[in-house]
Amino acid sequence: MAKNQKSYTPEFKQQIVDLYNAGGTSYPQLEREYGVNRSTISGWVRQLSPMKVSDDEIVTLKEYKALQKENQRLKTGNEILKKAATISAKEQ
């Protein structure tokens, strides 16, 4: 992280996103009121805004990416186990 770069709590970021998503506050208003750059707010909105994935499930982009990463890790683990099982079966 750069020396002069500000650090914001997850709660603060979510508060800004909630204000934006409520519809009454624009990027310029949030930028002026909280002193956060518009591109920073835009990134938070992309990452933390809820997305509907099915009729009864909503996730954020951040959660979705974490799920994708976990899914890939599990797929890799399964491939390793399959190869190990094949090797073990050949040895018997």
PDB file of N, CA and C in Angstrom:
ATOM      1  N   MET A   1       0.839  -1.171   0.000  1.00  0.00           N
ATOM      2  CA  MET A   1       0.000   0.000   0.000  1.00  0.00           C
ATOM      3  C   MET A   1       0.886   1.236   0.000  1.00  0.00           C
ATOM      4  N   ALA A   2       0.501   2.231  -0.760  1.00  0.00           N
ATOM      5  CA  ALA A   2       1.276   3.463  -0.839  1.00  0.00           C
ATOM      6  C   ALA A   2       1.240   4.194   0.504  1.00  0.00           C
ATOM      7  N   LYS A   3       2.260   5.008   0.753  1.00  0.00           N
ATOM      8  CA  LYS A   3       2.362   5.708   2.029  1.00  0.00           C
ATOM      9  C   LYS A   3       1.163   6.605   2.313  1.00  0.00           C
ATOM     10  N   ASN A   4       0.710   7.343   1.328  1.00  0.00           N
ATOM     11  CA  ASN A   4      -0.358   8.314   1.529  1.00  0.00           C
ATOM     12  C   ASN A   4      -1.746   7.770   1.214  1.00  0.00           C
ATOM     13  N   GLN A   5      -1.850   6.508   0.904  1.00  0.00           N
ATOM     14  CA  GLN A   5      -3.134   5.926   0.549  1.00  0.00           C
ATOM     15  C   GLN A   5      -3.973   5.703   1.804  1.00  0.00           C
ATOM     16  N   LYS A   6      -5.224   6.164   1.755  1.00  0.00           N
ATOM     17  CA  LYS A   6      -6.119   6.007   2.892  1.00  0.00           C
ATOM     18  C   LYS A   6      -6.627   4.575   2.950  1.00  0.00           C
ATOM     19  N   SER A   7      -6.905   4.130   4.164  1.00  0.00           N
ATOM     20  CA  SER A   7      -7.470   2.805   4.372  1.00  0.00           C
ATOM     21  C   SER A   7      -8.868   2.974   4.969  1.00  0.00           C
ATOM     22  N   TYR A   8      -9.831   2.267   4.431  1.00  0.00           N
ATOM     23  CA  TYR A   8     -11.206   2.373   4.880  1.00  0.00           C
ATOM     24  C   TYR A   8     -11.672   1.036   5.436  1.00  0.00           C
ATOM     25  N   THR A   9     -12.495   1.077   6.464  1.00  0.00           N
ATOM     26  CA  THR A   9     -13.016  -0.151   7.061  1.00  0.00           C
ATOM     27  C   THR A   9     -14.070  -0.761   6.137  1.00  0.00           C
ATOM     28  N   PRO A  10     -14.250  -2.062   6.224  1.00  0.00           N
ATOM     29  CA  PRO A  10     -15.312  -2.703   5.424  1.00  0.00           C
ATOM     30  C   PRO A  10     -16.691  -2.118   5.735  1.00  0.00           C
ATOM     31  N   GLU A  11     -16.920  -1.754   6.983  1.00  0.00           N
ATOM     32  CA  GLU A  11     -18.205  -1.181   7.371  1.00  0.00           C
ATOM     33  C   GLU A  11     -18.441   0.160   6.674  1.00  0.00           C
ATOM     34  N   PHE A  12     -17.392   0.986   6.605  1.00  0.00           N
ATOM     35  CA  PHE A  12     -17.494   2.281   5.936  1.00  0.00           C
ATOM     36  C   PHE A  12     -17.783   2.087   4.451  1.00  0.00           C
ATOM     37  N   LYS A  13     -17.063   1.167   3.829  1.00  0.00           N
ATOM     38  CA  LYS A  13     -17.270   0.898   2.404  1.00  0.00           C
ATOM     39  C   LYS A  13     -18.703   0.461   2.145  1.00  0.00           C
ATOM     40  N   GLN A  14     -19.208  -0.441   2.999  1.00  0.00           N
ATOM     41  CA  GLN A  14     -20.570  -0.940   2.819  1.00  0.00           C
ATOM     42  C   GLN A  14     -21.589   0.172   3.030  1.00  0.00           C
ATOM     43  N   GLN A  15     -21.318   1.072   3.964  1.00  0.00           N
ATOM     44  CA  GLN A  15     -22.206   2.197   4.211  1.00  0.00           C
ATOM     45  C   GLN A  15     -22.312   3.082   2.967  1.00  0.00           C
ATOM     46  N   ILE A  16     -21.180   3.365   2.337  1.00  0.00           N
ATOM     47  CA  ILE A  16     -21.170   4.187   1.125  1.00  0.00           C
ATOM     48  C   ILE A  16     -21.947   3.482   0.013  1.00  0.00           C
ATOM     49  N   VAL A  17     -21.723   2.187  -0.154  1.00  0.00           N
ATOM     50  CA  VAL A  17     -22.423   1.411  -1.191  1.00  0.00           C
ATOM     51  C   VAL A  17     -23.924   1.409  -0.917  1.00  0.00           C
ATOM     52  N   ASP A  18     -24.309   1.239   0.335  1.00  0.00           N
ATOM     53  CA  ASP A  18     -25.733   1.235   0.684  1.00  0.00           C
ATOM     54  C   ASP A  18     -26.383   2.585   0.381  1.00  0.00           C
ATOM     55  N   LEU A  19     -25.663   3.663   0.686  1.00  0.00           N
ATOM     56  CA  LEU A  19     -26.187   5.001   0.377  1.00  0.00           C
ATOM     57  C   LEU A  19     -26.388   5.167  -1.126  1.00  0.00           C
ATOM     58  N   TYR A  20     -25.416   4.708  -1.903  1.00  0.00           N
ATOM     59  CA  TYR A  20     -25.526   4.812  -3.360  1.00  0.00           C
ATOM     60  C   TYR A  20     -26.682   3.955  -3.879  1.00  0.00           C
ATOM     61  N   ASN A  21     -26.767   2.716  -3.403  1.00  0.00           N
ATOM     62  CA  ASN A  21     -27.795   1.791  -3.891  1.00  0.00           C
ATOM     63  C   ASN A  21     -29.199   2.191  -3.467  1.00  0.00           C
ATOM     64  N   ALA A  22     -29.321   2.965  -2.396  1.00  0.00           N
ATOM     65  CA  ALA A  22     -30.640   3.421  -1.956  1.00  0.00           C
ATOM     66  C   ALA A  22     -31.259   4.363  -2.984  1.00  0.00           C
ATOM     67  N   GLY A  23     -30.419   4.931  -3.848  1.00  0.00           N
ATOM     68  CA  GLY A  23     -30.924   5.723  -4.959  1.00  0.00           C
ATOM     69  C   GLY A  23     -30.976   7.219  -4.724  1.00  0.00           C
ATOM     70  N   GLY A  24     -30.789   7.666  -3.528  1.00  0.00           N
ATOM     71  CA  GLY A  24     -30.898   9.087  -3.262  1.00  0.00           C
ATOM     72  C   GLY A  24     -29.584   9.845  -3.321  1.00  0.00           C
ATOM     73  N   THR A  25     -28.473   9.114  -3.437  1.00  0.00           N
ATOM     74  CA  THR A  25     -27.161   9.755  -3.377  1.00  0.00           C
ATOM     75  C   THR A  25     -26.334   9.378  -4.602  1.00  0.00           C
ATOM     76  N   SER A  26     -25.766  10.380  -5.272  1.00  0.00           N
ATOM     77  CA  SER A  26     -24.962  10.143  -6.476  1.00  0.00           C
ATOM     78  C   SER A  26     -23.481  10.055  -6.116  1.00  0.00           C
ATOM     79  N   TYR A  27     -22.684   9.626  -7.082  1.00  0.00           N
ATOM     80  CA  TYR A  27     -21.230   9.578  -6.875  1.00  0.00           C
ATOM     81  C   TYR A  27     -20.665  10.943  -6.476  1.00  0.00           C
ATOM     82  N   PRO A  28     -21.023  12.019  -7.210  1.00  0.00           N
ATOM     83  CA  PRO A  28     -20.473  13.327  -6.825  1.00  0.00           C
ATOM     84  C   PRO A  28     -20.853  13.753  -5.403  1.00  0.00           C
ATOM     85  N   GLN A  29     -22.090  13.456  -4.998  1.00  0.00           N
ATOM     86  CA  GLN A  29     -22.514  13.801  -3.644  1.00  0.00           C
ATOM     87  C   GLN A  29     -21.695  13.030  -2.607  1.00  0.00           C
ATOM     88  N   LEU A  30     -21.526  11.741  -2.831  1.00  0.00           N
ATOM     89  CA  LEU A  30     -20.750  10.913  -1.905  1.00  0.00           C
ATOM     90  C   LEU A  30     -19.295  11.372  -1.865  1.00  0.00           C
ATOM     91  N   GLU A  31     -18.774  11.716  -3.020  1.00  0.00           N
ATOM     92  CA  GLU A  31     -17.392  12.180  -3.121  1.00  0.00           C
ATOM     93  C   GLU A  31     -17.193  13.448  -2.286  1.00  0.00           C
ATOM     94  N   ARG A  32     -18.112  14.393  -2.436  1.00  0.00           N
ATOM     95  CA  ARG A  32     -18.003  15.644  -1.675  1.00  0.00           C
ATOM     96  C   ARG A  32     -18.213  15.414  -0.179  1.00  0.00           C
ATOM     97  N   GLU A  33     -19.221  14.644   0.166  1.00  0.00           N
ATOM     98  CA  GLU A  33     -19.592  14.478   1.573  1.00  0.00           C
ATOM     99  C   GLU A  33     -18.563  13.673   2.371  1.00  0.00           C
ATOM    100  N   TYR A  34     -17.996  12.633   1.748  1.00  0.00           N
ATOM    101  CA  TYR A  34     -17.102  11.736   2.487  1.00  0.00           C
ATOM    102  C   TYR A  34     -15.631  11.876   2.098  1.00  0.00           C
ATOM    103  N   GLY A  35     -15.338  12.656   1.069  1.00  0.00           N
ATOM    104  CA  GLY A  35     -13.950  12.869   0.671  1.00  0.00           C
ATOM    105  C   GLY A  35     -13.289  11.650   0.058  1.00  0.00           C
ATOM    106  N   VAL A  36     -14.090  10.822  -0.580  1.00  0.00           N
ATOM    107  CA  VAL A  36     -13.576   9.613  -1.223  1.00  0.00           C
ATOM    108  C   VAL A  36     -13.675   9.798  -2.736  1.00  0.00           C
ATOM    109  N   ASN A  37     -12.625   9.445  -3.443  1.00  0.00           N
ATOM    110  CA  ASN A  37     -12.573   9.587  -4.890  1.00  0.00           C
ATOM    111  C   ASN A  37     -13.710   8.812  -5.557  1.00  0.00           C
ATOM    112  N   ARG A  38     -14.263   9.379  -6.625  1.00  0.00           N
ATOM    113  CA  ARG A  38     -15.371   8.762  -7.346  1.00  0.00           C
ATOM    114  C   ARG A  38     -15.017   7.363  -7.876  1.00  0.00           C
ATOM    115  N   SER A  39     -13.811   7.195  -8.385  1.00  0.00           N
ATOM    116  CA  SER A  39     -13.431   5.877  -8.915  1.00  0.00           C
ATOM    117  C   SER A  39     -13.326   4.847  -7.792  1.00  0.00           C
ATOM    118  N   THR A  40     -12.941   5.283  -6.613  1.00  0.00           N
ATOM    119  CA  THR A  40     -12.890   4.380  -5.462  1.00  0.00           C
ATOM    120  C   THR A  40     -14.296   3.928  -5.091  1.00  0.00           C
ATOM    121  N   ILE A  41     -15.212   4.884  -5.034  1.00  0.00           N
ATOM    122  CA  ILE A  41     -16.611   4.562  -4.716  1.00  0.00           C
ATOM    123  C   ILE A  41     -17.191   3.627  -5.772  1.00  0.00           C
ATOM    124  N   SER A  42     -16.900   3.909  -7.028  1.00  0.00           N
ATOM    125  CA  SER A  42     -17.391   3.070  -8.121  1.00  0.00           C
ATOM    126  C   SER A  42     -16.912   1.626  -7.973  1.00  0.00           C
ATOM    127  N   GLY A  43     -15.645   1.465  -7.604  1.00  0.00           N
ATOM    128  CA  GLY A  43     -15.097   0.122  -7.382  1.00  0.00           C
ATOM    129  C   GLY A  43     -15.796  -0.590  -6.244  1.00  0.00           C
ATOM    130  N   TRP A  44     -16.060   0.133  -5.178  1.00  0.00           N
ATOM    131  CA  TRP A  44     -16.774  -0.461  -4.041  1.00  0.00           C
ATOM    132  C   TRP A  44     -18.174  -0.888  -4.444  1.00  0.00           C
ATOM    133  N   VAL A  45     -18.838  -0.049  -5.220  1.00  0.00           N
ATOM    134  CA  VAL A  45     -20.202  -0.368  -5.660  1.00  0.00           C
ATOM    135  C   VAL A  45     -20.190  -1.641  -6.501  1.00  0.00           C
ATOM    136  N   ARG A  46     -19.218  -1.759  -7.409  1.00  0.00           N
ATOM    137  CA  ARG A  46     -19.108  -2.979  -8.237  1.00  0.00           C
ATOM    138  C   ARG A  46     -18.859  -4.205  -7.362  1.00  0.00           C
ATOM    139  N   GLN A  47     -17.978  -4.073  -6.391  1.00  0.00           N
ATOM    140  CA  GLN A  47     -17.576  -5.214  -5.568  1.00  0.00           C
ATOM    141  C   GLN A  47     -18.626  -5.607  -4.528  1.00  0.00           C
ATOM    142  N   LEU A  48     -19.321  -4.629  -3.959  1.00  0.00           N
ATOM    143  CA  LEU A  48     -20.143  -4.894  -2.786  1.00  0.00           C
ATOM    144  C   LEU A  48     -21.648  -4.819  -3.008  1.00  0.00           C
ATOM    145  N   SER A  49     -22.075  -4.452  -4.207  1.00  0.00           N
ATOM    146  CA  SER A  49     -23.516  -4.395  -4.471  1.00  0.00           C
ATOM    147  C   SER A  49     -24.056  -5.806  -4.674  1.00  0.00           C
ATOM    148  N   PRO A  50     -25.225  -6.062  -4.122  1.00  0.00           N
ATOM    149  CA  PRO A  50     -25.808  -7.402  -4.276  1.00  0.00           C
ATOM    150  C   PRO A  50     -26.244  -7.681  -5.713  1.00  0.00           C
ATOM    151  N   MET A  51     -26.063  -8.958  -6.119  1.00  0.00           N
ATOM    152  CA  MET A  51     -26.515  -9.418  -7.440  1.00  0.00           C
ATOM    153  C   MET A  51     -27.434 -10.614  -7.220  1.00  0.00           C
ATOM    154  N   LYS A  52     -28.505 -10.657  -7.937  1.00  0.00           N
ATOM    155  CA  LYS A  52     -29.436 -11.779  -7.818  1.00  0.00           C
ATOM    156  C   LYS A  52     -28.947 -12.921  -8.696  1.00  0.00           C
ATOM    157  N   VAL A  53     -28.652 -14.067  -8.082  1.00  0.00           N
ATOM    158  CA  VAL A  53     -28.166 -15.221  -8.843  1.00  0.00           C
ATOM    159  C   VAL A  53     -29.270 -16.219  -9.123  1.00  0.00           C
ATOM    160  N   SER A  54     -30.271 -16.244  -8.276  1.00  0.00           N
ATOM    161  CA  SER A  54     -31.431 -17.084  -8.502  1.00  0.00           C
ATOM    162  C   SER A  54     -32.612 -16.440  -7.779  1.00  0.00           C
ATOM    163  N   ASP A  55     -33.747 -17.102  -7.817  1.00  0.00           N
ATOM    164  CA  ASP A  55     -34.937 -16.520  -7.189  1.00  0.00           C
ATOM    165  C   ASP A  55     -34.766 -16.257  -5.701  1.00  0.00           C
ATOM    166  N   ASP A  56     -33.954 -17.084  -5.040  1.00  0.00           N
ATOM    167  CA  ASP A  56     -33.826 -16.945  -3.590  1.00  0.00           C
ATOM    168  C   ASP A  56     -32.390 -16.714  -3.115  1.00  0.00           C
ATOM    169  N   GLU A  57     -31.491 -16.355  -4.023  1.00  0.00           N
ATOM    170  CA  GLU A  57     -30.095 -16.168  -3.626  1.00  0.00           C
ATOM    171  C   GLU A  57     -29.518 -14.882  -4.206  1.00  0.00           C
ATOM    172  N   ILE A  58     -28.868 -14.115  -3.319  1.00  0.00           N
ATOM    173  CA  ILE A  58     -28.228 -12.866  -3.708  1.00  0.00           C
ATOM    174  C   ILE A  58     -26.806 -12.872  -3.151  1.00  0.00           C
ATOM    175  N   VAL A  59     -25.828 -12.529  -3.996  1.00  0.00           N
ATOM    176  CA  VAL A  59     -24.431 -12.446  -3.559  1.00  0.00           C
ATOM    177  C   VAL A  59     -23.804 -11.174  -4.127  1.00  0.00           C
ATOM    178  N   THR A  60     -22.691 -10.775  -3.540  1.00  0.00           N
ATOM    179  CA  THR A  60     -21.935  -9.646  -4.082  1.00  0.00           C
ATOM    180  C   THR A  60     -20.882 -10.193  -5.033  1.00  0.00           C
ATOM    181  N   LEU A  61     -20.310  -9.315  -5.839  1.00  0.00           N
ATOM    182  CA  LEU A  61     -19.247  -9.725  -6.753  1.00  0.00           C
ATOM    183  C   LEU A  61     -18.068 -10.283  -5.971  1.00  0.00           C
ATOM    184  N   LYS A  62     -17.767  -9.668  -4.839  1.00  0.00           N
ATOM    185  CA  LYS A  62     -16.662 -10.130  -4.000  1.00  0.00           C
ATOM    186  C   LYS A  62     -16.913 -11.560  -3.517  1.00  0.00           C
ATOM    187  N   GLU A  63     -18.148 -11.827  -3.054  1.00  0.00           N
ATOM    188  CA  GLU A  63     -18.501 -13.185  -2.616  1.00  0.00           C
ATOM    189  C   GLU A  63     -18.462 -14.159  -3.786  1.00  0.00           C
ATOM    190  N   TYR A  64     -18.947 -13.718  -4.952  1.00  0.00           N
ATOM    191  CA  TYR A  64     -18.956 -14.566  -6.139  1.00  0.00           C
ATOM    192  C   TYR A  64     -17.536 -14.974  -6.533  1.00  0.00           C
ATOM    193  N   LYS A  65     -16.623 -14.002  -6.517  1.00  0.00           N
ATOM    194  CA  LYS A  65     -15.235 -14.305  -6.860  1.00  0.00           C
ATOM    195  C   LYS A  65     -14.611 -15.259  -5.844  1.00  0.00           C
ATOM    196  N   ALA A  66     -14.943 -15.085  -4.566  1.00  0.00           N
ATOM    197  CA  ALA A  66     -14.435 -15.996  -3.539  1.00  0.00           C
ATOM    198  C   ALA A  66     -14.982 -17.408  -3.761  1.00  0.00           C
ATOM    199  N   LEU A  67     -16.240 -17.505  -4.156  1.00  0.00           N
ATOM    200  CA  LEU A  67     -16.835 -18.812  -4.449  1.00  0.00           C
ATOM    201  C   LEU A  67     -16.174 -19.462  -5.663  1.00  0.00           C
ATOM    202  N   GLN A  68     -15.889 -18.663  -6.686  1.00  0.00           N
ATOM    203  CA  GLN A  68     -15.195 -19.198  -7.861  1.00  0.00           C
ATOM    204  C   GLN A  68     -13.815 -19.730  -7.484  1.00  0.00           C
ATOM    205  N   LYS A  69     -13.101 -18.984  -6.670  1.00  0.00           N
ATOM    206  CA  LYS A  69     -11.766 -19.393  -6.241  1.00  0.00           C
ATOM    207  C   LYS A  69     -11.830 -20.691  -5.439  1.00  0.00           C
ATOM    208  N   GLU A  70     -12.793 -20.783  -4.526  1.00  0.00           N
ATOM    209  CA  GLU A  70     -12.965 -21.999  -3.727  1.00  0.00           C
ATOM    210  C   GLU A  70     -13.350 -23.182  -4.617  1.00  0.00           C
ATOM    211  N   ASN A  71     -14.206 -22.942  -5.594  1.00  0.00           N
ATOM    212  CA  ASN A  71     -14.616 -23.989  -6.523  1.00  0.00           C
ATOM    213  C   ASN A  71     -13.411 -24.523  -7.303  1.00  0.00           C
ATOM    214  N   GLN A  72     -12.559 -23.631  -7.769  1.00  0.00           N
ATOM    215  CA  GLN A  72     -11.365 -24.044  -8.509  1.00  0.00           C
ATOM    216  C   GLN A  72     -10.425 -24.851  -7.610  1.00  0.00           C
ATOM    217  N   ARG A  73     -10.278 -24.411  -6.351  1.00  0.00           N
ATOM    218  CA  ARG A  73      -9.426 -25.132  -5.404  1.00  0.00           C
ATOM    219  C   ARG A  73      -9.957 -26.554  -5.174  1.00  0.00           C
ATOM    220  N   LEU A  74     -11.274 -26.676  -5.046  1.00  0.00           N
ATOM    221  CA  LEU A  74     -11.880 -28.000  -4.843  1.00  0.00           C
ATOM    222  C   LEU A  74     -11.742 -28.886  -6.077  1.00  0.00           C
ATOM    223  N   LYS A  75     -11.891 -28.292  -7.271  1.00  0.00           N
ATOM    224  CA  LYS A  75     -11.715 -29.061  -8.510  1.00  0.00           C
ATOM    225  C   LYS A  75     -10.285 -29.598  -8.604  1.00  0.00           C
ATOM    226  N   THR A  76      -9.321 -28.755  -8.272  1.00  0.00           N
ATOM    227  CA  THR A  76      -7.922 -29.174  -8.309  1.00  0.00           C
ATOM    228  C   THR A  76      -7.679 -30.301  -7.318  1.00  0.00           C
ATOM    229  N   GLY A  77      -8.239 -30.163  -6.126  1.00  0.00           N
ATOM    230  CA  GLY A  77      -8.106 -31.217  -5.114  1.00  0.00           C
ATOM    231  C   GLY A  77      -8.712 -32.535  -5.582  1.00  0.00           C
ATOM    232  N   ASN A  78      -9.870 -32.451  -6.236  1.00  0.00           N
ATOM    233  CA  ASN A  78     -10.514 -33.663  -6.754  1.00  0.00           C
ATOM    234  C   ASN A  78      -9.659 -34.334  -7.826  1.00  0.00           C
ATOM    235  N   GLU A  79      -9.057 -33.541  -8.698  1.00  0.00           N
ATOM    236  CA  GLU A  79      -8.187 -34.104  -9.740  1.00  0.00           C
ATOM    237  C   GLU A  79      -6.993 -34.832  -9.116  1.00  0.00           C
ATOM    238  N   ILE A  80      -6.416 -34.242  -8.093  1.00  0.00           N
ATOM    239  CA  ILE A  80      -5.281 -34.864  -7.400  1.00  0.00           C
ATOM    240  C   ILE A  80      -5.714 -36.189  -6.779  1.00  0.00           C
ATOM    241  N   LEU A  81      -6.887 -36.187  -6.144  1.00  0.00           N
ATOM    242  CA  LEU A  81      -7.380 -37.419  -5.527  1.00  0.00           C
ATOM    243  C   LEU A  81      -7.674 -38.506  -6.567  1.00  0.00           C
ATOM    244  N   LYS A  82      -8.207 -38.120  -7.709  1.00  0.00           N
ATOM    245  CA  LYS A  82      -8.475 -39.092  -8.780  1.00  0.00           C
ATOM    246  C   LYS A  82      -7.176 -39.725  -9.273  1.00  0.00           C
ATOM    247  N   LYS A  83      -6.158 -38.890  -9.468  1.00  0.00           N
ATOM    248  CA  LYS A  83      -4.870 -39.406  -9.928  1.00  0.00           C
ATOM    249  C   LYS A  83      -4.255 -40.326  -8.888  1.00  0.00           C
ATOM    250  N   ALA A  84      -4.370 -39.943  -7.609  1.00  0.00           N
ATOM    251  CA  ALA A  84      -3.824 -40.773  -6.537  1.00  0.00           C
ATOM    252  C   ALA A  84      -4.555 -42.119  -6.473  1.00  0.00           C
ATOM    253  N   ALA A  85      -5.872 -42.100  -6.668  1.00  0.00           N
ATOM    254  CA  ALA A  85      -6.643 -43.322  -6.649  1.00  0.00           C
ATOM    255  C   ALA A  85      -6.251 -44.230  -7.812  1.00  0.00           C
ATOM    256  N   THR A  86      -6.016 -43.651  -8.969  1.00  0.00           N
ATOM    257  CA  THR A  86      -5.598 -44.424 -10.141  1.00  0.00           C
ATOM    258  C   THR A  86      -4.244 -45.074  -9.901  1.00  0.00           C
ATOM    259  N   ILE A  87      -3.323 -44.331  -9.348  1.00  0.00           N
ATOM    260  CA  ILE A  87      -1.991 -44.870  -9.053  1.00  0.00           C
ATOM    261  C   ILE A  87      -2.086 -45.973  -8.016  1.00  0.00           C
ATOM    262  N   SER A  88      -2.885 -45.754  -6.991  1.00  0.00           N
ATOM    263  CA  SER A  88      -3.049 -46.750  -5.924  1.00  0.00           C
ATOM    264  C   SER A  88      -3.672 -48.039  -6.463  1.00  0.00           C
ATOM    265  N   ALA A  89      -4.643 -47.909  -7.361  1.00  0.00           N
ATOM    266  CA  ALA A  89      -5.307 -49.085  -7.936  1.00  0.00           C
ATOM    267  C   ALA A  89      -4.333 -49.875  -8.812  1.00  0.00           C
ATOM    268  N   LYS A  90      -3.434 -49.194  -9.512  1.00  0.00           N
ATOM    269  CA  LYS A  90      -2.468 -49.886 -10.357  1.00  0.00           C
ATOM    270  C   LYS A  90      -1.456 -50.661  -9.543  1.00  0.00           C
ATOM    271  N   GLU A  91      -1.125 -50.137  -8.351  1.00  0.00           N
ATOM    272  CA  GLU A  91      -0.133 -50.796  -7.499  1.00  0.00           C
ATOM    273  C   GLU A  91      -0.655 -52.062  -6.839  1.00  0.00           C
ATOM    274  N   GLN A  92      -1.953 -52.212  -6.746  1.00  0.00           N
ATOM    275  CA  GLN A  92      -2.517 -53.367  -6.054  1.00  0.00           C
ATOM    276  C   GLN A  92      -2.611 -54.564  -6.947  1.00  0.00           C
TER     277      GLN A  92
END
